[in-house]
N, C-alpha and C. Protein backbone atom coordinates (compact mmCIF):
# COMPACT_ATOMS: atom_id res chain seq x y z
N UNK A 1 75.60 119.49 61.63
CA UNK A 1 75.01 119.90 62.89
C UNK A 1 73.77 120.72 62.62
N UNK A 2 72.76 120.45 63.37
CA UNK A 2 71.51 121.19 63.25
C UNK A 2 71.59 122.40 64.18
N UNK A 3 71.75 123.57 63.63
CA UNK A 3 71.96 124.78 64.43
C UNK A 3 70.68 125.26 65.10
N UNK A 4 69.54 124.94 64.56
CA UNK A 4 68.29 125.40 65.17
C UNK A 4 67.95 124.61 66.43
N UNK A 5 68.16 123.32 66.40
CA UNK A 5 67.83 122.48 67.54
C UNK A 5 69.07 122.04 68.33
N UNK A 6 70.26 122.45 67.88
CA UNK A 6 71.53 122.15 68.54
C UNK A 6 71.74 120.65 68.74
N UNK A 7 71.57 119.90 67.66
CA UNK A 7 71.79 118.46 67.68
C UNK A 7 72.97 118.11 66.78
N UNK A 8 73.76 117.16 67.23
CA UNK A 8 74.83 116.62 66.40
C UNK A 8 74.41 115.22 65.99
N UNK A 9 74.26 114.96 64.69
CA UNK A 9 73.80 113.63 64.26
C UNK A 9 74.82 112.53 64.57
N UNK A 10 74.30 111.33 64.74
CA UNK A 10 75.15 110.19 65.09
C UNK A 10 76.17 109.85 64.02
N UNK A 11 75.87 110.16 62.76
CA UNK A 11 76.83 109.83 61.70
C UNK A 11 78.07 110.72 61.78
N UNK A 12 78.04 111.78 62.58
CA UNK A 12 79.23 112.60 62.85
C UNK A 12 79.87 112.15 64.16
N UNK A 13 79.07 111.85 65.16
CA UNK A 13 79.58 111.56 66.50
C UNK A 13 80.38 110.27 66.56
N UNK A 14 79.84 109.18 66.05
CA UNK A 14 80.50 107.88 66.18
C UNK A 14 81.84 107.80 65.45
N UNK A 15 81.96 108.31 64.22
CA UNK A 15 83.29 108.28 63.59
C UNK A 15 84.32 109.16 64.33
N UNK A 16 83.88 110.25 64.94
CA UNK A 16 84.82 111.09 65.69
C UNK A 16 85.32 110.37 66.95
N UNK A 17 84.44 109.64 67.62
CA UNK A 17 84.87 108.87 68.79
C UNK A 17 85.85 107.79 68.37
N UNK A 18 85.54 107.07 67.30
CA UNK A 18 86.45 106.02 66.83
C UNK A 18 87.78 106.58 66.36
N UNK A 19 87.76 107.71 65.67
CA UNK A 19 89.03 108.29 65.22
C UNK A 19 89.86 108.78 66.41
N UNK A 20 89.22 109.27 67.47
CA UNK A 20 89.95 109.66 68.67
C UNK A 20 90.59 108.47 69.36
N UNK A 21 89.87 107.36 69.41
CA UNK A 21 90.44 106.15 70.01
C UNK A 21 91.62 105.63 69.20
N UNK A 22 91.49 105.63 67.89
CA UNK A 22 92.59 105.16 67.02
C UNK A 22 93.79 106.09 67.15
N UNK A 23 93.55 107.39 67.18
CA UNK A 23 94.66 108.34 67.32
C UNK A 23 95.41 108.11 68.63
N UNK A 24 94.67 107.96 69.73
CA UNK A 24 95.32 107.74 71.02
C UNK A 24 96.06 106.41 71.07
N UNK A 25 95.56 105.40 70.36
CA UNK A 25 96.27 104.13 70.29
C UNK A 25 97.59 104.30 69.55
N UNK A 26 97.57 105.05 68.46
CA UNK A 26 98.80 105.26 67.68
C UNK A 26 99.77 106.17 68.42
N UNK A 27 99.27 107.25 68.98
CA UNK A 27 100.14 108.25 69.61
C UNK A 27 100.67 107.81 70.97
N UNK A 28 99.83 107.12 71.75
CA UNK A 28 100.24 106.81 73.11
C UNK A 28 100.46 105.35 73.41
N UNK A 29 100.16 104.49 72.47
CA UNK A 29 100.34 103.06 72.70
C UNK A 29 99.12 102.44 73.37
N UNK A 30 99.28 101.19 73.76
CA UNK A 30 98.16 100.43 74.29
C UNK A 30 97.81 100.86 75.72
N UNK A 31 98.81 100.91 76.61
CA UNK A 31 98.53 101.16 78.03
C UNK A 31 98.15 102.60 78.32
N UNK A 32 98.94 103.55 77.89
CA UNK A 32 98.65 104.94 78.25
C UNK A 32 97.70 105.61 77.28
N UNK A 33 97.83 105.33 76.01
CA UNK A 33 97.01 106.01 75.02
C UNK A 33 95.59 105.51 74.94
N UNK A 34 95.42 104.26 74.57
CA UNK A 34 94.08 103.70 74.38
C UNK A 34 93.35 103.56 75.71
N UNK A 35 94.05 103.17 76.76
CA UNK A 35 93.40 103.01 78.06
C UNK A 35 92.87 104.36 78.56
N UNK A 36 93.65 105.41 78.41
CA UNK A 36 93.19 106.73 78.82
C UNK A 36 92.03 107.24 77.99
N UNK A 37 92.07 106.96 76.70
CA UNK A 37 90.99 107.38 75.82
C UNK A 37 89.70 106.62 76.14
N UNK A 38 89.81 105.33 76.39
CA UNK A 38 88.62 104.55 76.77
C UNK A 38 88.06 105.00 78.11
N UNK A 39 88.94 105.29 79.05
CA UNK A 39 88.49 105.78 80.35
C UNK A 39 87.77 107.12 80.20
N UNK A 40 88.32 108.01 79.41
CA UNK A 40 87.67 109.30 79.16
C UNK A 40 86.34 109.15 78.47
N UNK A 41 86.25 108.22 77.53
CA UNK A 41 84.98 107.98 76.84
C UNK A 41 83.93 107.44 77.80
N UNK A 42 84.32 106.50 78.65
CA UNK A 42 83.38 105.92 79.62
C UNK A 42 82.93 106.97 80.63
N UNK A 43 83.85 107.79 81.13
CA UNK A 43 83.49 108.83 82.10
C UNK A 43 82.56 109.85 81.46
N UNK A 44 82.85 110.24 80.22
CA UNK A 44 81.98 111.18 79.53
C UNK A 44 80.59 110.63 79.28
N UNK A 45 80.51 109.37 78.85
CA UNK A 45 79.21 108.75 78.64
C UNK A 45 78.44 108.57 79.95
N UNK A 46 79.13 108.17 81.00
CA UNK A 46 78.47 107.99 82.29
C UNK A 46 77.97 109.31 82.85
N UNK A 47 78.70 110.38 82.61
CA UNK A 47 78.30 111.69 83.11
C UNK A 47 77.05 112.19 82.40
N UNK A 48 76.98 111.98 81.10
CA UNK A 48 75.86 112.51 80.33
C UNK A 48 74.71 111.53 80.16
N UNK A 49 74.89 110.27 80.56
CA UNK A 49 73.85 109.27 80.37
C UNK A 49 72.58 109.60 81.14
N UNK A 50 72.73 110.06 82.37
CA UNK A 50 71.54 110.35 83.17
C UNK A 50 70.77 111.53 82.61
N UNK A 51 71.43 112.49 82.00
CA UNK A 51 70.71 113.59 81.35
C UNK A 51 69.93 113.09 80.14
N UNK A 52 70.53 112.17 79.40
CA UNK A 52 69.83 111.58 78.26
C UNK A 52 68.61 110.79 78.73
N UNK A 53 68.74 110.08 79.84
CA UNK A 53 67.61 109.32 80.36
C UNK A 53 66.49 110.24 80.83
N UNK A 54 66.83 111.35 81.44
CA UNK A 54 65.81 112.30 81.87
C UNK A 54 65.06 112.88 80.67
N UNK A 55 65.77 113.15 79.59
CA UNK A 55 65.13 113.68 78.39
C UNK A 55 64.28 112.63 77.70
N UNK A 56 64.55 111.36 77.92
CA UNK A 56 63.77 110.30 77.29
C UNK A 56 62.39 110.16 77.91
N UNK A 57 62.20 110.67 79.09
CA UNK A 57 60.90 110.54 79.76
C UNK A 57 59.84 111.46 79.18
N UNK A 58 60.25 112.55 78.57
CA UNK A 58 59.27 113.46 77.98
C UNK A 58 59.64 113.73 76.53
N UNK A 59 58.66 114.02 75.72
CA UNK A 59 58.94 114.23 74.29
C UNK A 59 59.89 115.42 74.08
N UNK A 60 60.79 115.25 73.18
CA UNK A 60 61.76 116.29 72.88
C UNK A 60 61.56 116.77 71.45
N UNK A 61 61.71 118.06 71.21
CA UNK A 61 61.59 118.55 69.83
C UNK A 61 62.77 118.14 68.97
N UNK A 62 63.85 117.68 69.60
CA UNK A 62 65.04 117.28 68.85
C UNK A 62 64.84 115.86 68.33
N UNK A 63 64.84 115.72 67.03
CA UNK A 63 64.63 114.41 66.44
C UNK A 63 65.90 113.81 65.86
N UNK A 64 67.05 114.33 66.27
CA UNK A 64 68.30 113.83 65.71
C UNK A 64 68.57 112.38 66.11
N UNK A 65 68.10 111.96 67.26
CA UNK A 65 68.39 110.59 67.69
C UNK A 65 67.61 109.57 66.89
N UNK A 66 66.47 109.97 66.32
CA UNK A 66 65.68 109.02 65.56
C UNK A 66 65.77 109.24 64.06
N UNK A 67 66.23 110.41 63.65
CA UNK A 67 66.23 110.72 62.22
C UNK A 67 67.43 110.15 61.48
N UNK A 68 68.52 109.89 62.19
CA UNK A 68 69.73 109.45 61.50
C UNK A 68 70.07 108.03 61.87
């Protein structure tokens, strides 16, 4: 994590999302575990997507999205 610019690189984010989905599949099964985890992932992405789009309109000092 870049503490100065408060960015989390993608090489940390994507494996954590996948490990959370796998854990919920193992712990809760197909219907309750994985479905709930996928729903939470989609809701989280949909909530933050518009903020990401707003930041894409103007240059950002955070280069984590392009550096990794």
